[in-house]
Amino acid sequence: MAPCVFGWWRILAVLWLLVASLSTNGLADGVMSSEDEFPFNVSVALTTIPPRFSSVHHTIRSWLVQEHLPRHVYVFVPPHYRRFKRKSGHHRSPTIDLEQELKEHLLEHADIQPFVESGVVRIISVERDLGPITRIAGILSVVSKSSVNHADYWLVCDDDVSYDPSVLATYRLKMSQLYDSHIPR
């Protein structure tokens, strides 16, 4: 059996994100002491494909109504995709910009529109569809192309799930408890 390079890449990507998160949160200085002081700068990443443009707003909306809002919601869109054991899908016209098409669809939803216009929701084209790992590759691309720290933490999600409004609050609480229990005082 051939070694699974794809599997190792996944592990390295997750480890890299963990190290990046730890290094940007001041953990080396031991500055976190309570949930109120816990820095919680999180961005959400998902991948979607053109056939799901008509329903992805439900997932995006679920992140925009969280008790603790994410800094950004990144939506990565590949022009070609291969999913569900079907032939590779292609976008219907090479002259239509997928980012613009999805943006126009999201702007039709009044509750999402301000987040798209302000840049909280960011739609980014990616070269190819790697399946679910596309969102991790997208995150790495965003982080590597900018010297600005976009987020201390990244959450990845599916494009066909609506998330409970307390997901980020629960995650924040659990992360603050984890760091409180592991940071020497």
N, C-alpha and C. Protein backbone atom coordinates (compact mmCIF):
# COMPACT_ATOMS: atom_id res chain seq x y z
N MET A 1 0.84 -1.18 0.00
CA MET A 1 0.00 0.00 0.00
C MET A 1 0.89 1.24 0.00
N ALA A 2 0.56 2.20 -0.86
CA ALA A 2 1.34 3.43 -0.97
C ALA A 2 1.05 4.33 0.23
N PRO A 3 2.08 5.06 0.69
CA PRO A 3 1.85 5.96 1.82
C PRO A 3 0.85 7.06 1.44
N CYS A 4 0.10 7.49 2.41
CA CYS A 4 -0.94 8.49 2.18
C CYS A 4 -0.37 9.89 2.42
N VAL A 5 0.15 10.51 1.40
CA VAL A 5 0.71 11.85 1.51
C VAL A 5 -0.37 12.84 1.89
N PHE A 6 -1.55 12.66 1.33
CA PHE A 6 -2.67 13.55 1.61
C PHE A 6 -2.99 13.56 3.10
N GLY A 7 -2.95 12.40 3.74
CA GLY A 7 -3.21 12.31 5.18
C GLY A 7 -2.17 13.05 6.00
N TRP A 8 -0.90 12.94 5.64
CA TRP A 8 0.16 13.64 6.35
C TRP A 8 0.02 15.14 6.18
N TRP A 9 -0.37 15.57 4.98
CA TRP A 9 -0.55 17.00 4.73
C TRP A 9 -1.62 17.55 5.65
N ARG A 10 -2.68 16.78 5.84
CA ARG A 10 -3.77 17.19 6.73
C ARG A 10 -3.27 17.38 8.15
N ILE A 11 -2.51 16.41 8.64
CA ILE A 11 -1.97 16.48 10.00
C ILE A 11 -1.04 17.67 10.15
N LEU A 12 -0.17 17.89 9.17
CA LEU A 12 0.75 19.03 9.24
C LEU A 12 0.00 20.35 9.22
N ALA A 13 -1.05 20.45 8.43
CA ALA A 13 -1.84 21.68 8.36
C ALA A 13 -2.48 21.98 9.71
N VAL A 14 -3.05 20.98 10.35
CA VAL A 14 -3.69 21.18 11.65
C VAL A 14 -2.65 21.55 12.70
N LEU A 15 -1.51 20.90 12.68
CA LEU A 15 -0.45 21.23 13.64
C LEU A 15 0.05 22.65 13.42
N TRP A 16 0.20 23.04 12.16
CA TRP A 16 0.66 24.39 11.85
C TRP A 16 -0.34 25.41 12.39
N LEU A 17 -1.64 25.16 12.19
CA LEU A 17 -2.65 26.08 12.69
C LEU A 17 -2.63 26.16 14.21
N LEU A 18 -2.40 25.03 14.87
CA LEU A 18 -2.33 25.00 16.32
C LEU A 18 -1.15 25.82 16.82
N VAL A 19 0.02 25.63 16.22
CA VAL A 19 1.21 26.38 16.61
C VAL A 19 1.00 27.86 16.35
N ALA A 20 0.41 28.21 15.21
CA ALA A 20 0.15 29.62 14.91
C ALA A 20 -0.80 30.22 15.93
N SER A 21 -1.82 29.47 16.32
CA SER A 21 -2.77 29.97 17.32
C SER A 21 -2.08 30.19 18.66
N LEU A 22 -1.26 29.23 19.08
CA LEU A 22 -0.58 29.35 20.36
C LEU A 22 0.39 30.52 20.36
N SER A 23 1.09 30.74 19.26
CA SER A 23 2.10 31.79 19.23
C SER A 23 1.49 33.18 19.17
N THR A 24 0.25 33.32 18.70
CA THR A 24 -0.34 34.65 18.61
C THR A 24 -1.18 35.01 19.82
N ASN A 25 -1.33 34.11 20.77
CA ASN A 25 -2.18 34.39 21.91
C ASN A 25 -1.43 34.75 23.18
N GLY A 26 -0.13 34.90 23.11
CA GLY A 26 0.62 35.26 24.29
C GLY A 26 0.72 34.15 25.31
N LEU A 27 0.58 32.91 24.88
CA LEU A 27 0.63 31.81 25.83
C LEU A 27 2.00 31.68 26.48
N ALA A 28 3.02 32.02 25.73
CA ALA A 28 4.36 31.92 26.29
C ALA A 28 4.52 32.86 27.48
N ASP A 29 3.77 33.96 27.49
CA ASP A 29 3.86 34.91 28.57
C ASP A 29 2.93 34.56 29.73
N GLY A 30 2.04 33.59 29.54
CA GLY A 30 1.10 33.20 30.58
C GLY A 30 0.15 34.31 30.96
N VAL A 31 -0.38 35.03 29.99
CA VAL A 31 -1.20 36.21 30.29
C VAL A 31 -2.67 35.91 30.49
N MET A 32 -3.15 34.73 30.19
CA MET A 32 -4.57 34.45 30.30
C MET A 32 -4.90 33.91 31.68
N SER A 33 -5.95 34.47 32.26
CA SER A 33 -6.29 34.00 33.60
C SER A 33 -7.77 33.73 33.81
N SER A 34 -8.65 34.31 33.01
CA SER A 34 -10.07 34.03 33.18
C SER A 34 -10.76 34.15 31.84
N GLU A 35 -12.00 33.67 31.78
CA GLU A 35 -12.75 33.73 30.54
C GLU A 35 -12.90 35.16 30.06
N ASP A 36 -13.09 36.12 30.99
CA ASP A 36 -13.25 37.52 30.61
C ASP A 36 -12.00 38.07 29.96
N GLU A 37 -10.84 37.59 30.36
CA GLU A 37 -9.58 38.07 29.80
C GLU A 37 -9.12 37.24 28.61
N PHE A 38 -9.81 36.17 28.33
CA PHE A 38 -9.39 35.25 27.28
C PHE A 38 -9.59 35.90 25.91
N PRO A 39 -8.52 36.13 25.15
CA PRO A 39 -8.69 36.72 23.82
C PRO A 39 -9.35 35.71 22.89
N PHE A 40 -10.40 36.14 22.26
CA PHE A 40 -11.13 35.21 21.42
C PHE A 40 -11.38 35.84 20.06
N ASN A 41 -10.40 35.71 19.21
CA ASN A 41 -10.46 36.23 17.86
C ASN A 41 -10.54 35.02 16.94
N VAL A 42 -11.74 34.66 16.51
CA VAL A 42 -11.93 33.44 15.73
C VAL A 42 -12.52 33.78 14.37
N SER A 43 -12.06 33.06 13.37
CA SER A 43 -12.65 33.13 12.04
C SER A 43 -13.16 31.75 11.67
N VAL A 44 -14.15 31.71 10.82
CA VAL A 44 -14.78 30.47 10.38
C VAL A 44 -14.45 30.27 8.91
N ALA A 45 -14.19 29.03 8.53
CA ALA A 45 -13.89 28.71 7.13
C ALA A 45 -14.77 27.58 6.64
N LEU A 46 -15.26 27.74 5.42
CA LEU A 46 -16.03 26.68 4.78
C LEU A 46 -15.77 26.72 3.28
N THR A 47 -16.05 25.61 2.65
CA THR A 47 -15.95 25.50 1.20
C THR A 47 -17.34 25.21 0.67
N THR A 48 -17.66 25.82 -0.45
CA THR A 48 -18.92 25.49 -1.11
C THR A 48 -18.68 25.40 -2.60
N ILE A 49 -19.61 24.79 -3.30
CA ILE A 49 -19.53 24.63 -4.75
C ILE A 49 -20.79 25.24 -5.37
N PRO A 50 -20.74 25.62 -6.63
CA PRO A 50 -21.87 26.31 -7.26
C PRO A 50 -23.24 25.66 -7.06
N PRO A 51 -23.39 24.35 -7.10
CA PRO A 51 -24.73 23.80 -6.87
C PRO A 51 -25.30 24.09 -5.47
N ARG A 52 -24.44 24.49 -4.54
CA ARG A 52 -24.90 24.77 -3.17
C ARG A 52 -25.07 26.27 -2.89
N PHE A 53 -24.83 27.11 -3.89
CA PHE A 53 -24.96 28.55 -3.69
C PHE A 53 -26.35 28.92 -3.19
N SER A 54 -27.37 28.21 -3.63
CA SER A 54 -28.74 28.58 -3.27
C SER A 54 -29.08 28.27 -1.81
N SER A 55 -28.27 27.49 -1.13
CA SER A 55 -28.59 27.15 0.26
C SER A 55 -27.49 27.49 1.26
N VAL A 56 -26.32 27.89 0.81
CA VAL A 56 -25.20 28.13 1.73
C VAL A 56 -25.47 29.32 2.65
N HIS A 57 -26.40 30.20 2.27
CA HIS A 57 -26.71 31.35 3.14
C HIS A 57 -27.22 30.91 4.51
N HIS A 58 -27.84 29.74 4.60
CA HIS A 58 -28.31 29.25 5.89
C HIS A 58 -27.13 28.99 6.84
N THR A 59 -26.08 28.39 6.31
CA THR A 59 -24.89 28.14 7.12
C THR A 59 -24.22 29.44 7.52
N ILE A 60 -24.06 30.34 6.55
CA ILE A 60 -23.41 31.62 6.83
C ILE A 60 -24.22 32.40 7.87
N ARG A 61 -25.51 32.44 7.72
CA ARG A 61 -26.38 33.14 8.68
C ARG A 61 -26.19 32.56 10.09
N SER A 62 -26.08 31.25 10.18
CA SER A 62 -25.94 30.63 11.51
C SER A 62 -24.68 31.10 12.22
N TRP A 63 -23.62 31.47 11.49
CA TRP A 63 -22.41 31.99 12.11
C TRP A 63 -22.55 33.47 12.44
N LEU A 64 -23.42 34.17 11.74
CA LEU A 64 -23.58 35.61 11.95
C LEU A 64 -24.56 35.94 13.07
N VAL A 65 -25.20 34.94 13.64
CA VAL A 65 -26.11 35.16 14.77
C VAL A 65 -25.57 34.52 16.04
N GLN A 66 -24.29 34.24 16.07
CA GLN A 66 -23.67 33.65 17.25
C GLN A 66 -23.64 34.65 18.41
N GLU A 67 -23.64 34.14 19.64
CA GLU A 67 -23.51 34.99 20.82
C GLU A 67 -22.19 35.75 20.79
N HIS A 68 -21.13 35.10 20.33
CA HIS A 68 -19.83 35.73 20.09
C HIS A 68 -19.60 35.65 18.59
N LEU A 69 -19.60 36.79 17.92
CA LEU A 69 -19.47 36.78 16.46
C LEU A 69 -18.04 36.43 16.03
N PRO A 70 -17.91 35.71 14.93
CA PRO A 70 -16.57 35.47 14.38
C PRO A 70 -16.04 36.76 13.76
N ARG A 71 -14.72 36.86 13.70
CA ARG A 71 -14.11 38.03 13.06
C ARG A 71 -14.43 38.03 11.57
N HIS A 72 -14.31 36.85 10.95
CA HIS A 72 -14.61 36.70 9.53
C HIS A 72 -15.24 35.34 9.29
N VAL A 73 -16.00 35.26 8.23
CA VAL A 73 -16.48 33.97 7.71
C VAL A 73 -15.92 33.89 6.30
N TYR A 74 -14.96 32.99 6.10
CA TYR A 74 -14.35 32.80 4.79
C TYR A 74 -15.07 31.68 4.06
N VAL A 75 -15.47 31.97 2.83
CA VAL A 75 -16.13 30.98 1.99
C VAL A 75 -15.22 30.74 0.79
N PHE A 76 -14.67 29.55 0.70
CA PHE A 76 -13.76 29.20 -0.40
C PHE A 76 -14.55 28.48 -1.48
N VAL A 77 -14.36 28.93 -2.73
CA VAL A 77 -15.14 28.42 -3.86
C VAL A 77 -14.20 27.94 -4.96
N PRO A 78 -14.18 26.63 -5.26
CA PRO A 78 -13.38 26.14 -6.38
C PRO A 78 -14.18 26.21 -7.69
N PRO A 79 -13.54 26.56 -8.82
CA PRO A 79 -14.26 26.63 -10.09
C PRO A 79 -14.61 25.25 -10.64
N HIS A 80 -13.82 24.26 -10.27
CA HIS A 80 -14.06 22.88 -10.71
C HIS A 80 -14.14 22.04 -9.44
N TYR A 81 -15.00 21.08 -9.44
CA TYR A 81 -15.16 20.28 -8.24
C TYR A 81 -15.46 18.84 -8.61
N ARG A 82 -15.13 17.98 -7.69
CA ARG A 82 -15.35 16.56 -7.87
C ARG A 82 -15.85 16.00 -6.55
N ARG A 83 -17.13 15.81 -6.47
CA ARG A 83 -17.72 15.36 -5.21
C ARG A 83 -18.78 14.31 -5.48
N PHE A 84 -19.05 13.57 -4.46
CA PHE A 84 -20.17 12.63 -4.44
C PHE A 84 -20.07 11.57 -5.54
N LYS A 85 -18.84 11.18 -5.90
CA LYS A 85 -18.59 10.13 -6.89
C LYS A 85 -19.25 10.40 -8.24
N ARG A 86 -19.38 11.67 -8.58
CA ARG A 86 -19.89 12.05 -9.89
C ARG A 86 -18.76 12.61 -10.71
N LYS A 87 -19.04 12.79 -11.99
CA LYS A 87 -18.05 13.42 -12.84
C LYS A 87 -17.72 14.81 -12.32
N SER A 88 -16.56 15.26 -12.66
CA SER A 88 -16.14 16.59 -12.26
C SER A 88 -17.13 17.62 -12.78
N GLY A 89 -17.57 18.49 -11.89
CA GLY A 89 -18.48 19.55 -12.30
C GLY A 89 -17.70 20.77 -12.73
N HIS A 90 -18.25 21.49 -13.63
CA HIS A 90 -17.62 22.72 -14.09
C HIS A 90 -18.64 23.82 -14.02
N HIS A 91 -18.17 25.01 -13.66
CA HIS A 91 -19.08 26.14 -13.63
C HIS A 91 -19.54 26.42 -15.05
N ARG A 92 -20.77 26.86 -15.18
CA ARG A 92 -21.39 26.95 -16.50
C ARG A 92 -20.75 27.92 -17.47
N SER A 93 -20.08 28.95 -17.02
CA SER A 93 -19.49 29.92 -17.94
C SER A 93 -18.17 30.42 -17.38
N PRO A 94 -17.11 30.34 -18.17
CA PRO A 94 -15.82 30.82 -17.67
C PRO A 94 -15.79 32.34 -17.52
N THR A 95 -16.76 33.04 -18.09
CA THR A 95 -16.76 34.49 -18.00
C THR A 95 -17.45 34.99 -16.73
N ILE A 96 -18.17 34.12 -16.05
CA ILE A 96 -18.84 34.51 -14.82
C ILE A 96 -17.91 34.25 -13.65
N ASP A 97 -17.71 35.26 -12.85
CA ASP A 97 -16.85 35.18 -11.68
C ASP A 97 -17.63 34.52 -10.54
N LEU A 98 -17.14 33.39 -10.05
CA LEU A 98 -17.84 32.67 -8.98
C LEU A 98 -17.95 33.49 -7.70
N GLU A 99 -16.88 34.21 -7.38
CA GLU A 99 -16.93 35.05 -6.19
C GLU A 99 -18.07 36.06 -6.31
N GLN A 100 -18.17 36.69 -7.46
CA GLN A 100 -19.20 37.70 -7.67
C GLN A 100 -20.60 37.07 -7.67
N GLU A 101 -20.72 35.90 -8.28
CA GLU A 101 -22.03 35.23 -8.31
C GLU A 101 -22.51 34.90 -6.90
N LEU A 102 -21.64 34.34 -6.07
CA LEU A 102 -22.03 34.02 -4.71
C LEU A 102 -22.30 35.28 -3.91
N LYS A 103 -21.48 36.31 -4.10
CA LYS A 103 -21.68 37.57 -3.41
C LYS A 103 -23.06 38.14 -3.74
N GLU A 104 -23.42 38.14 -5.01
CA GLU A 104 -24.73 38.66 -5.42
C GLU A 104 -25.86 37.85 -4.78
N HIS A 105 -25.68 36.55 -4.70
CA HIS A 105 -26.70 35.71 -4.07
C HIS A 105 -26.83 36.07 -2.58
N LEU A 106 -25.71 36.25 -1.90
CA LEU A 106 -25.76 36.57 -0.47
C LEU A 106 -26.33 37.96 -0.22
N LEU A 107 -26.08 38.90 -1.13
CA LEU A 107 -26.60 40.25 -0.98
C LEU A 107 -28.12 40.30 -1.08
N GLU A 108 -28.73 39.26 -1.62
CA GLU A 108 -30.19 39.18 -1.70
C GLU A 108 -30.82 38.95 -0.32
N HIS A 109 -30.03 38.57 0.65
CA HIS A 109 -30.52 38.28 1.99
C HIS A 109 -30.19 39.47 2.89
N ALA A 110 -31.22 40.22 3.27
CA ALA A 110 -31.05 41.47 4.01
C ALA A 110 -30.25 41.31 5.30
N ASP A 111 -30.39 40.18 5.98
CA ASP A 111 -29.68 39.98 7.25
C ASP A 111 -28.20 39.64 7.03
N ILE A 112 -27.83 39.20 5.85
CA ILE A 112 -26.44 38.86 5.55
C ILE A 112 -25.73 40.01 4.83
N GLN A 113 -26.49 40.80 4.11
CA GLN A 113 -25.95 41.88 3.27
C GLN A 113 -24.93 42.78 3.99
N PRO A 114 -25.23 43.30 5.19
CA PRO A 114 -24.24 44.19 5.84
C PRO A 114 -22.91 43.49 6.14
N PHE A 115 -22.97 42.20 6.41
CA PHE A 115 -21.75 41.45 6.72
C PHE A 115 -20.91 41.22 5.46
N VAL A 116 -21.56 41.06 4.33
CA VAL A 116 -20.85 40.91 3.06
C VAL A 116 -20.22 42.25 2.68
N GLU A 117 -21.01 43.31 2.79
CA GLU A 117 -20.52 44.64 2.40
C GLU A 117 -19.40 45.14 3.30
N SER A 118 -19.41 44.76 4.57
CA SER A 118 -18.36 45.21 5.49
C SER A 118 -17.11 44.34 5.45
N GLY A 119 -17.18 43.20 4.76
CA GLY A 119 -16.02 42.32 4.65
C GLY A 119 -15.93 41.27 5.73
N VAL A 120 -16.94 41.17 6.59
CA VAL A 120 -16.94 40.10 7.58
C VAL A 120 -17.06 38.76 6.86
N VAL A 121 -17.96 38.69 5.88
CA VAL A 121 -18.07 37.50 5.02
C VAL A 121 -17.18 37.74 3.82
N ARG A 122 -16.22 36.87 3.63
CA ARG A 122 -15.26 37.00 2.53
C ARG A 122 -15.33 35.77 1.63
N ILE A 123 -15.51 36.00 0.36
CA ILE A 123 -15.61 34.92 -0.61
C ILE A 123 -14.32 34.90 -1.41
N ILE A 124 -13.67 33.73 -1.45
CA ILE A 124 -12.37 33.61 -2.08
C ILE A 124 -12.35 32.40 -3.01
N SER A 125 -11.92 32.62 -4.24
CA SER A 125 -11.75 31.51 -5.18
C SER A 125 -10.48 30.75 -4.85
N VAL A 126 -10.56 29.44 -4.98
CA VAL A 126 -9.38 28.59 -4.82
C VAL A 126 -9.17 27.82 -6.12
N GLU A 127 -7.94 27.44 -6.38
CA GLU A 127 -7.61 26.80 -7.65
C GLU A 127 -8.35 25.51 -7.92
N ARG A 128 -8.35 24.63 -6.91
CA ARG A 128 -8.99 23.33 -7.14
C ARG A 128 -9.66 22.83 -5.89
N ASP A 129 -10.57 21.94 -6.11
CA ASP A 129 -11.33 21.35 -5.02
C ASP A 129 -10.58 20.13 -4.49
N LEU A 130 -10.23 20.19 -3.22
CA LEU A 130 -9.56 19.06 -2.57
C LEU A 130 -10.53 18.35 -1.63
N GLY A 131 -11.81 18.58 -1.83
CA GLY A 131 -12.81 18.02 -0.93
C GLY A 131 -12.83 18.83 0.35
N PRO A 132 -13.14 18.20 1.47
CA PRO A 132 -13.24 18.93 2.73
C PRO A 132 -11.96 19.64 3.16
N ILE A 133 -10.82 19.16 2.71
CA ILE A 133 -9.56 19.79 3.10
C ILE A 133 -9.35 21.13 2.38
N THR A 134 -10.19 21.45 1.41
CA THR A 134 -10.08 22.73 0.69
C THR A 134 -10.17 23.90 1.67
N ARG A 135 -10.99 23.78 2.69
CA ARG A 135 -11.11 24.89 3.65
C ARG A 135 -9.82 25.09 4.43
N ILE A 136 -9.10 24.02 4.74
CA ILE A 136 -7.81 24.15 5.42
C ILE A 136 -6.78 24.76 4.47
N ALA A 137 -6.76 24.29 3.23
CA ALA A 137 -5.85 24.86 2.23
C ALA A 137 -6.16 26.34 2.02
N GLY A 138 -7.44 26.69 2.04
CA GLY A 138 -7.83 28.09 1.91
C GLY A 138 -7.32 28.93 3.07
N ILE A 139 -7.46 28.41 4.28
CA ILE A 139 -6.95 29.11 5.46
C ILE A 139 -5.45 29.34 5.33
N LEU A 140 -4.73 28.31 4.96
CA LEU A 140 -3.27 28.43 4.81
C LEU A 140 -2.93 29.48 3.75
N SER A 141 -3.71 29.51 2.70
CA SER A 141 -3.50 30.50 1.65
C SER A 141 -3.73 31.92 2.17
N VAL A 142 -4.81 32.12 2.92
CA VAL A 142 -5.12 33.43 3.48
C VAL A 142 -4.03 33.87 4.43
N VAL A 143 -3.61 32.98 5.32
CA VAL A 143 -2.61 33.32 6.32
C VAL A 143 -1.25 33.59 5.66
N SER A 144 -0.89 32.80 4.67
CA SER A 144 0.43 32.97 4.04
C SER A 144 0.52 34.21 3.15
N LYS A 145 -0.61 34.71 2.67
CA LYS A 145 -0.59 35.88 1.77
C LYS A 145 -0.68 37.20 2.51
N SER A 146 -0.78 37.17 3.80
CA SER A 146 -0.97 38.41 4.54
C SER A 146 -0.10 38.43 5.79
N SER A 147 0.43 39.59 6.08
CA SER A 147 1.20 39.73 7.31
C SER A 147 0.27 40.07 8.48
N VAL A 148 -0.99 40.34 8.17
CA VAL A 148 -1.97 40.66 9.21
C VAL A 148 -2.46 39.36 9.83
N ASN A 149 -2.57 39.35 11.14
CA ASN A 149 -3.11 38.18 11.83
C ASN A 149 -4.63 38.21 11.70
N HIS A 150 -5.18 37.35 10.89
CA HIS A 150 -6.62 37.33 10.66
C HIS A 150 -7.38 36.76 11.84
N ALA A 151 -6.84 35.78 12.48
CA ALA A 151 -7.54 35.16 13.60
C ALA A 151 -6.55 34.42 14.48
N ASP A 152 -6.90 34.34 15.74
CA ASP A 152 -6.11 33.52 16.66
C ASP A 152 -6.54 32.07 16.57
N TYR A 153 -7.81 31.87 16.25
CA TYR A 153 -8.38 30.53 16.13
C TYR A 153 -9.19 30.45 14.85
N TRP A 154 -9.19 29.27 14.28
CA TRP A 154 -9.99 29.02 13.08
C TRP A 154 -10.90 27.83 13.34
N LEU A 155 -12.14 27.98 12.97
CA LEU A 155 -13.07 26.85 13.01
C LEU A 155 -13.46 26.53 11.58
N VAL A 156 -13.49 25.26 11.27
CA VAL A 156 -13.94 24.85 9.94
C VAL A 156 -15.33 24.25 10.08
N CYS A 157 -16.13 24.45 9.06
CA CYS A 157 -17.50 23.96 9.14
C CYS A 157 -17.96 23.44 7.78
N ASP A 158 -19.08 22.78 7.78
CA ASP A 158 -19.68 22.28 6.54
C ASP A 158 -20.61 23.34 5.96
N ASP A 159 -20.81 23.28 4.67
CA ASP A 159 -21.66 24.28 4.01
C ASP A 159 -23.13 23.90 3.98
N ASP A 160 -23.47 22.77 4.56
CA ASP A 160 -24.87 22.33 4.54
C ASP A 160 -25.43 22.10 5.94
N VAL A 161 -24.86 22.80 6.92
CA VAL A 161 -25.29 22.67 8.32
C VAL A 161 -25.56 24.06 8.88
N SER A 162 -26.65 24.21 9.60
CA SER A 162 -26.90 25.44 10.36
C SER A 162 -26.46 25.18 11.79
N TYR A 163 -25.62 26.07 12.30
CA TYR A 163 -25.02 25.86 13.62
C TYR A 163 -25.80 26.60 14.70
N ASP A 164 -25.86 25.99 15.87
CA ASP A 164 -26.53 26.57 17.02
C ASP A 164 -25.87 27.91 17.39
N PRO A 165 -26.65 28.91 17.80
CA PRO A 165 -26.10 30.23 18.13
C PRO A 165 -25.11 30.24 19.30
N SER A 166 -25.02 29.16 20.04
CA SER A 166 -24.10 29.13 21.18
C SER A 166 -22.79 28.40 20.88
N VAL A 167 -22.56 28.00 19.64
CA VAL A 167 -21.36 27.22 19.32
C VAL A 167 -20.09 27.99 19.67
N LEU A 168 -19.97 29.23 19.23
CA LEU A 168 -18.75 29.99 19.51
C LEU A 168 -18.61 30.34 20.98
N ALA A 169 -19.71 30.62 21.66
CA ALA A 169 -19.65 30.90 23.09
C ALA A 169 -19.17 29.67 23.86
N THR A 170 -19.67 28.51 23.48
CA THR A 170 -19.26 27.26 24.11
C THR A 170 -17.79 26.98 23.83
N TYR A 171 -17.38 27.17 22.59
CA TYR A 171 -15.97 26.96 22.22
C TYR A 171 -15.07 27.92 23.01
N ARG A 172 -15.48 29.17 23.11
CA ARG A 172 -14.70 30.16 23.86
C ARG A 172 -14.57 29.75 25.33
N LEU A 173 -15.67 29.34 25.93
CA LEU A 173 -15.65 28.90 27.32
C LEU A 173 -14.72 27.71 27.51
N LYS A 174 -14.83 26.71 26.65
CA LYS A 174 -13.99 25.50 26.77
C LYS A 174 -12.51 25.84 26.56
N MET A 175 -12.23 26.72 25.60
CA MET A 175 -10.83 27.09 25.35
C MET A 175 -10.27 27.87 26.54
N SER A 176 -11.05 28.77 27.12
CA SER A 176 -10.55 29.53 28.27
C SER A 176 -10.31 28.60 29.46
N GLN A 177 -11.19 27.62 29.66
CA GLN A 177 -11.00 26.65 30.75
C GLN A 177 -9.75 25.81 30.51
N LEU A 178 -9.54 25.41 29.27
CA LEU A 178 -8.37 24.62 28.93
C LEU A 178 -7.09 25.40 29.23
N TYR A 179 -7.03 26.65 28.80
CA TYR A 179 -5.84 27.45 29.02
C TYR A 179 -5.67 27.81 30.48
N ASP A 180 -6.76 28.09 31.18
CA ASP A 180 -6.66 28.37 32.62
C ASP A 180 -6.07 27.19 33.36
N SER A 181 -6.44 25.98 32.96
CA SER A 181 -5.96 24.80 33.67
C SER A 181 -4.53 24.41 33.29
N HIS A 182 -4.01 24.97 32.20
CA HIS A 182 -2.67 24.57 31.74
C HIS A 182 -1.63 25.69 31.81
N ILE A 183 -2.02 26.88 32.23
CA ILE A 183 -1.07 27.98 32.31
C ILE A 183 -0.61 28.13 33.75
N PRO A 184 0.68 28.01 33.96
CA PRO A 184 1.18 28.18 35.33
C PRO A 184 1.02 29.63 35.80
N ARG A 185 0.69 29.79 37.04
CA ARG A 185 0.51 31.14 37.60
C ARG A 185 1.62 31.46 38.55
